[in-house]
Structures are given as structure tokens and as C-alpha cells.
PDB file of N, CA and C in Angstrom:
ATOM      1  N   UNK A   1     106.924 -20.919  53.832  1.00  0.00           N
ATOM      2  CA  UNK A   1     106.255 -20.714  52.374  1.00  0.00           C
ATOM      3  C   UNK A   1     105.166 -21.257  53.288  1.00  0.00           C
ATOM      4  N   UNK A   2     104.282 -20.696  51.686  1.00  0.00           N
ATOM      5  CA  UNK A   2     102.628 -20.544  52.224  1.00  0.00           C
ATOM      6  C   UNK A   2     102.134 -21.534  51.177  1.00  0.00           C
ATOM      7  N   UNK A   3     101.193 -22.061  51.377  1.00  0.00           N
ATOM      8  CA  UNK A   3     100.190 -23.088  50.597  1.00  0.00           C
ATOM      9  C   UNK A   3      99.122 -21.831  49.971  1.00  0.00           C
ATOM     10  N   UNK A   4      99.410 -22.180  48.796  1.00  0.00           N
ATOM     11  CA  UNK A   4      98.150 -21.721  47.387  1.00  0.00           C
ATOM     12  C   UNK A   4      97.115 -21.982  48.065  1.00  0.00           C
ATOM     13  N   UNK A   5      96.788 -23.118  48.471  1.00  0.00           N
ATOM     14  CA  UNK A   5      95.229 -23.437  48.448  1.00  0.00           C
ATOM     15  C   UNK A   5      94.689 -23.353  49.881  1.00  0.00           C
ATOM     16  N   UNK A   6      95.805 -23.626  50.909  1.00  0.00           N
ATOM     17  CA  UNK A   6      94.910 -23.265  52.009  1.00  0.00           C
ATOM     18  C   UNK A   6      95.561 -22.218  52.669  1.00  0.00           C
ATOM     19  N   UNK A   7      96.843 -22.003  52.416  1.00  0.00           N
ATOM     20  CA  UNK A   7      97.315 -21.155  53.712  1.00  0.00           C
ATOM     21  C   UNK A   7      98.283 -21.441  54.857  1.00  0.00           C
ATOM     22  N   UNK A   8      98.452 -22.833  54.689  1.00  0.00           N
ATOM     23  CA  UNK A   8      98.990 -23.706  55.456  1.00  0.00           C
ATOM     24  C   UNK A   8     101.077 -23.686  55.360  1.00  0.00           C
ATOM     25  N   UNK A   9     101.104 -24.015  56.249  1.00  0.00           N
ATOM     26  CA  UNK A   9     102.640 -23.799  56.285  1.00  0.00           C
ATOM     27  C   UNK A   9     102.642 -24.893  54.679  1.00  0.00           C
ATOM     28  N   UNK A  10     104.361 -24.843  54.298  1.00  0.00           N
ATOM     29  CA  UNK A  10     104.696 -25.446  53.329  1.00  0.00           C
ATOM     30  C   UNK A  10     105.994 -25.524  53.497  1.00  0.00           C
ATOM     31  N   UNK A  11     106.711 -26.892  53.489  1.00  0.00           N
ATOM     32  CA  UNK A  11     108.147 -27.348  53.889  1.00  0.00           C
ATOM     33  C   UNK A  11     108.630 -27.958  52.725  1.00  0.00           C
ATOM     34  N   UNK A  12     110.273 -27.969  52.355  1.00  0.00           N
ATOM     35  CA  UNK A  12     110.946 -29.347  51.585  1.00  0.00           C
ATOM     36  C   UNK A  12     110.724 -30.382  52.477  1.00  0.00           C
ATOM     37  N   UNK A  13     110.732 -31.504  50.839  1.00  0.00           N
ATOM     38  CA  UNK A  13     110.666 -32.712  51.857  1.00  0.00           C
ATOM     39  C   UNK A  13     112.048 -33.260  50.614  1.00  0.00           C
ATOM     40  N   UNK A  14     112.692 -34.432  50.984  1.00  0.00           N
ATOM     41  CA  UNK A  14     113.485 -35.139  50.777  1.00  0.00           C
ATOM     42  C   UNK A  14     114.706 -35.240  51.857  1.00  0.00           C
ATOM     43  N   UNK A  15     115.903 -36.184  51.209  1.00  0.00           N
ATOM     44  CA  UNK A  15     116.959 -35.792  51.939  1.00  0.00           C
ATOM     45  C   UNK A  15     117.631 -34.892  52.037  1.00  0.00           C
ATOM     46  N   UNK A  16     118.350 -34.354  52.999  1.00  0.00           N
ATOM     47  CA  UNK A  16     119.307 -32.718  52.607  1.00  0.00           C
ATOM     48  C   UNK A  16     119.860 -32.560  51.264  1.00  0.00           C
ATOM     49  N   UNK A  17     120.370 -33.934  51.030  1.00  0.00           N
ATOM     50  CA  UNK A  17     121.409 -33.308  49.933  1.00  0.00           C
ATOM     51  C   UNK A  17     120.579 -33.617  48.524  1.00  0.00           C
ATOM     52  N   UNK A  18     119.396 -33.632  48.530  1.00  0.00           N
ATOM     53  CA  UNK A  18     118.348 -33.510  47.376  1.00  0.00           C
ATOM     54  C   UNK A  18     116.770 -33.270  47.697  1.00  0.00           C
ATOM     55  N   UNK A  19     116.373 -32.498  48.070  1.00  0.00           N
ATOM     56  CA  UNK A  19     115.507 -31.533  48.406  1.00  0.00           C
ATOM     57  C   UNK A  19     114.791 -31.604  47.134  1.00  0.00           C
ATOM     58  N   UNK A  20     113.881 -32.579  46.812  1.00  0.00           N
ATOM     59  CA  UNK A  20     113.036 -33.079  45.822  1.00  0.00           C
ATOM     60  C   UNK A  20     111.448 -32.610  45.393  1.00  0.00           C
ATOM     61  N   UNK A  21     110.959 -31.665  46.912  1.00  0.00           N
ATOM     62  CA  UNK A  21     109.791 -30.981  46.342  1.00  0.00           C
ATOM     63  C   UNK A  21     109.148 -30.518  47.815  1.00  0.00           C
ATOM     64  N   UNK A  22     108.096 -29.529  47.618  1.00  0.00           N
ATOM     65  CA  UNK A  22     107.418 -28.922  49.195  1.00  0.00           C
ATOM     66  C   UNK A  22     106.282 -29.700  49.231  1.00  0.00           C
ATOM     67  N   UNK A  23     105.581 -29.549  50.739  1.00  0.00           N
ATOM     68  CA  UNK A  23     104.793 -30.133  51.014  1.00  0.00           C
ATOM     69  C   UNK A  23     104.383 -29.639  51.994  1.00  0.00           C
ATOM     70  N   UNK A  24     102.713 -29.498  51.886  1.00  0.00           N
ATOM     71  CA  UNK A  24     101.949 -28.862  52.673  1.00  0.00           C
ATOM     72  C   UNK A  24     101.547 -29.364  53.949  1.00  0.00           C
ATOM     73  N   UNK A  25     102.146 -29.032  55.252  1.00  0.00           N
ATOM     74  CA  UNK A  25     101.644 -29.846  56.451  1.00  0.00           C
ATOM     75  C   UNK A  25      99.996 -29.534  57.020  1.00  0.00           C
ATOM     76  N   UNK A  26      99.471 -28.679  56.048  1.00  0.00           N
ATOM     77  CA  UNK A  26      97.753 -28.938  56.357  1.00  0.00           C
ATOM     78  C   UNK A  26      97.129 -29.810  55.891  1.00  0.00           C
ATOM     79  N   UNK A  27      96.758 -29.570  54.320  1.00  0.00           N
ATOM     80  CA  UNK A  27      96.334 -30.250  53.239  1.00  0.00           C
ATOM     81  C   UNK A  27      97.225 -31.567  52.726  1.00  0.00           C
ATOM     82  N   UNK A  28      98.597 -31.424  52.758  1.00  0.00           N
ATOM     83  CA  UNK A  28      99.345 -32.493  52.102  1.00  0.00           C
ATOM     84  C   UNK A  28      99.357 -32.037  50.306  1.00  0.00           C
ATOM     85  N   UNK A  29      98.926 -30.803  49.763  1.00  0.00           N
ATOM     86  CA  UNK A  29      99.480 -30.717  48.772  1.00  0.00           C
ATOM     87  C   UNK A  29     100.766 -30.241  48.354  1.00  0.00           C
ATOM     88  N   UNK A  30     101.011 -31.086  47.318  1.00  0.00           N
ATOM     89  CA  UNK A  30     102.553 -31.200  46.928  1.00  0.00           C
ATOM     90  C   UNK A  30     102.982 -29.923  45.586  1.00  0.00           C
ATOM     91  N   UNK A  31     104.083 -29.276  45.965  1.00  0.00           N
ATOM     92  CA  UNK A  31     104.674 -27.937  44.821  1.00  0.00           C
ATOM     93  C   UNK A  31     103.448 -27.352  44.810  1.00  0.00           C
ATOM     94  N   UNK A  32     102.731 -26.627  45.880  1.00  0.00           N
ATOM     95  CA  UNK A  32     102.011 -25.571  45.512  1.00  0.00           C
ATOM     96  C   UNK A  32     101.684 -24.315  46.510  1.00  0.00           C
ATOM     97  N   UNK A  33     102.936 -24.041  46.543  1.00  0.00           N
ATOM     98  CA  UNK A  33     103.457 -23.002  47.858  1.00  0.00           C
ATOM     99  C   UNK A  33     102.937 -21.564  46.705  1.00  0.00           C
ATOM    100  N   UNK A  34     103.084 -20.442  47.171  1.00  0.00           N
ATOM    101  CA  UNK A  34     103.181 -19.081  46.968  1.00  0.00           C
ATOM    102  C   UNK A  34     103.933 -18.583  46.251  1.00  0.00           C
ATOM    103  N   UNK A  35     104.230 -18.097  45.082  1.00  0.00           N
ATOM    104  CA  UNK A  35     105.444 -17.740  44.468  1.00  0.00           C
ATOM    105  C   UNK A  35     105.434 -16.155  45.053  1.00  0.00           C
ATOM    106  N   UNK A  36     106.747 -16.057  45.918  1.00  0.00           N
ATOM    107  CA  UNK A  36     107.074 -14.353  45.944  1.00  0.00           C
ATOM    108  C   UNK A  36     107.910 -14.033  45.163  1.00  0.00           C
ATOM    109  N   UNK A  37     107.131 -12.898  44.616  1.00  0.00           N
ATOM    110  CA  UNK A  37     107.773 -12.139  43.307  1.00  0.00           C
ATOM    111  C   UNK A  37     109.225 -11.245  44.084  1.00  0.00           C
ATOM    112  N   UNK A  38     110.052 -11.198  43.526  1.00  0.00           N
ATOM    113  CA  UNK A  38     111.091 -10.183  43.805  1.00  0.00           C
ATOM    114  C   UNK A  38     110.533  -8.971  44.118  1.00  0.00           C
ATOM    115  N   UNK A  39     111.289  -7.939  45.017  1.00  0.00           N
ATOM    116  CA  UNK A  39     111.047  -6.986  45.325  1.00  0.00           C
ATOM    117  C   UNK A  39     111.497  -5.785  44.194  1.00  0.00           C
ATOM    118  N   UNK A  40     110.653  -4.772  43.376  1.00  0.00           N
ATOM    119  CA  UNK A  40     111.229  -3.523  42.654  1.00  0.00           C
ATOM    120  C   UNK A  40     112.531  -3.258  42.790  1.00  0.00           C
ATOM    121  N   UNK A  41     112.873  -2.753  44.467  1.00  0.00           N
ATOM    122  CA  UNK A  41     114.244  -2.306  45.087  1.00  0.00           C
ATOM    123  C   UNK A  41     115.561  -3.172  44.661  1.00  0.00           C
ATOM    124  N   UNK A  42     115.108  -4.591  44.758  1.00  0.00           N
ATOM    125  CA  UNK A  42     115.889  -5.480  44.619  1.00  0.00           C
ATOM    126  C   UNK A  42     116.059  -5.557  43.133  1.00  0.00           C
ATOM    127  N   UNK A  43     115.497  -5.715  41.995  1.00  0.00           N
ATOM    128  CA  UNK A  43     115.653  -5.653  40.720  1.00  0.00           C
ATOM    129  C   UNK A  43     116.055  -4.599  40.117  1.00  0.00           C
ATOM    130  N   UNK A  44     116.207  -3.529  40.776  1.00  0.00           N
ATOM    131  CA  UNK A  44     116.915  -2.099  40.352  1.00  0.00           C
ATOM    132  C   UNK A  44     118.594  -2.386  40.777  1.00  0.00           C
ATOM    133  N   UNK A  45     118.696  -2.763  41.954  1.00  0.00           N
ATOM    134  CA  UNK A  45     120.013  -3.124  42.202  1.00  0.00           C
ATOM    135  C   UNK A  45     120.994  -4.015  41.426  1.00  0.00           C
ATOM    136  N   UNK A  46     120.155  -4.963  40.999  1.00  0.00           N
ATOM    137  CA  UNK A  46     120.922  -5.981  40.370  1.00  0.00           C
ATOM    138  C   UNK A  46     121.272  -5.209  38.631  1.00  0.00           C
ATOM    139  N   UNK A  47     119.992  -4.338  38.299  1.00  0.00           N
ATOM    140  CA  UNK A  47     120.622  -3.724  37.007  1.00  0.00           C
ATOM    141  C   UNK A  47     121.395  -2.555  36.872  1.00  0.00           C
ATOM    142  N   UNK A  48     122.151  -2.274  37.920  1.00  0.00           N
ATOM    143  CA  UNK A  48     122.577  -1.004  38.111  1.00  0.00           C
ATOM    144  C   UNK A  48     124.371  -2.263  38.089  1.00  0.00           C
ATOM    145  N   UNK A  49     124.430  -3.341  38.263  1.00  0.00           N
ATOM    146  CA  UNK A  49     125.939  -4.001  38.603  1.00  0.00           C
ATOM    147  C   UNK A  49     126.272  -4.490  36.840  1.00  0.00           C
TER     148      UNK A  49
END
């Protein structure tokens, strides 16, 4: 994932059984990742089912 503020690498944080938030490894921002929109082709495939 990519940080919305600085473009740095974002990783999930917390124990593996309960990942609670994301953290930018460059600037330290919490829960500030770029949200990836689903591709239109993928959405069209779901509508057919």
C-alpha cells in the first residue's frame, strides 16, 4: 500500500490475529493509505453472477 501523504510504504500493524491499523514507514502516518478503486471489468463480472 502507498501513503496518501508522502507516497511511502504502508504496512498493517498489530498481532497477526488482530491487525488493527496501518502505518507509513516513511512519515509515520496512521491509516492514511491510498484507497485502490476496483477495476471496472472486475465489477462487471460480479454483476453477471
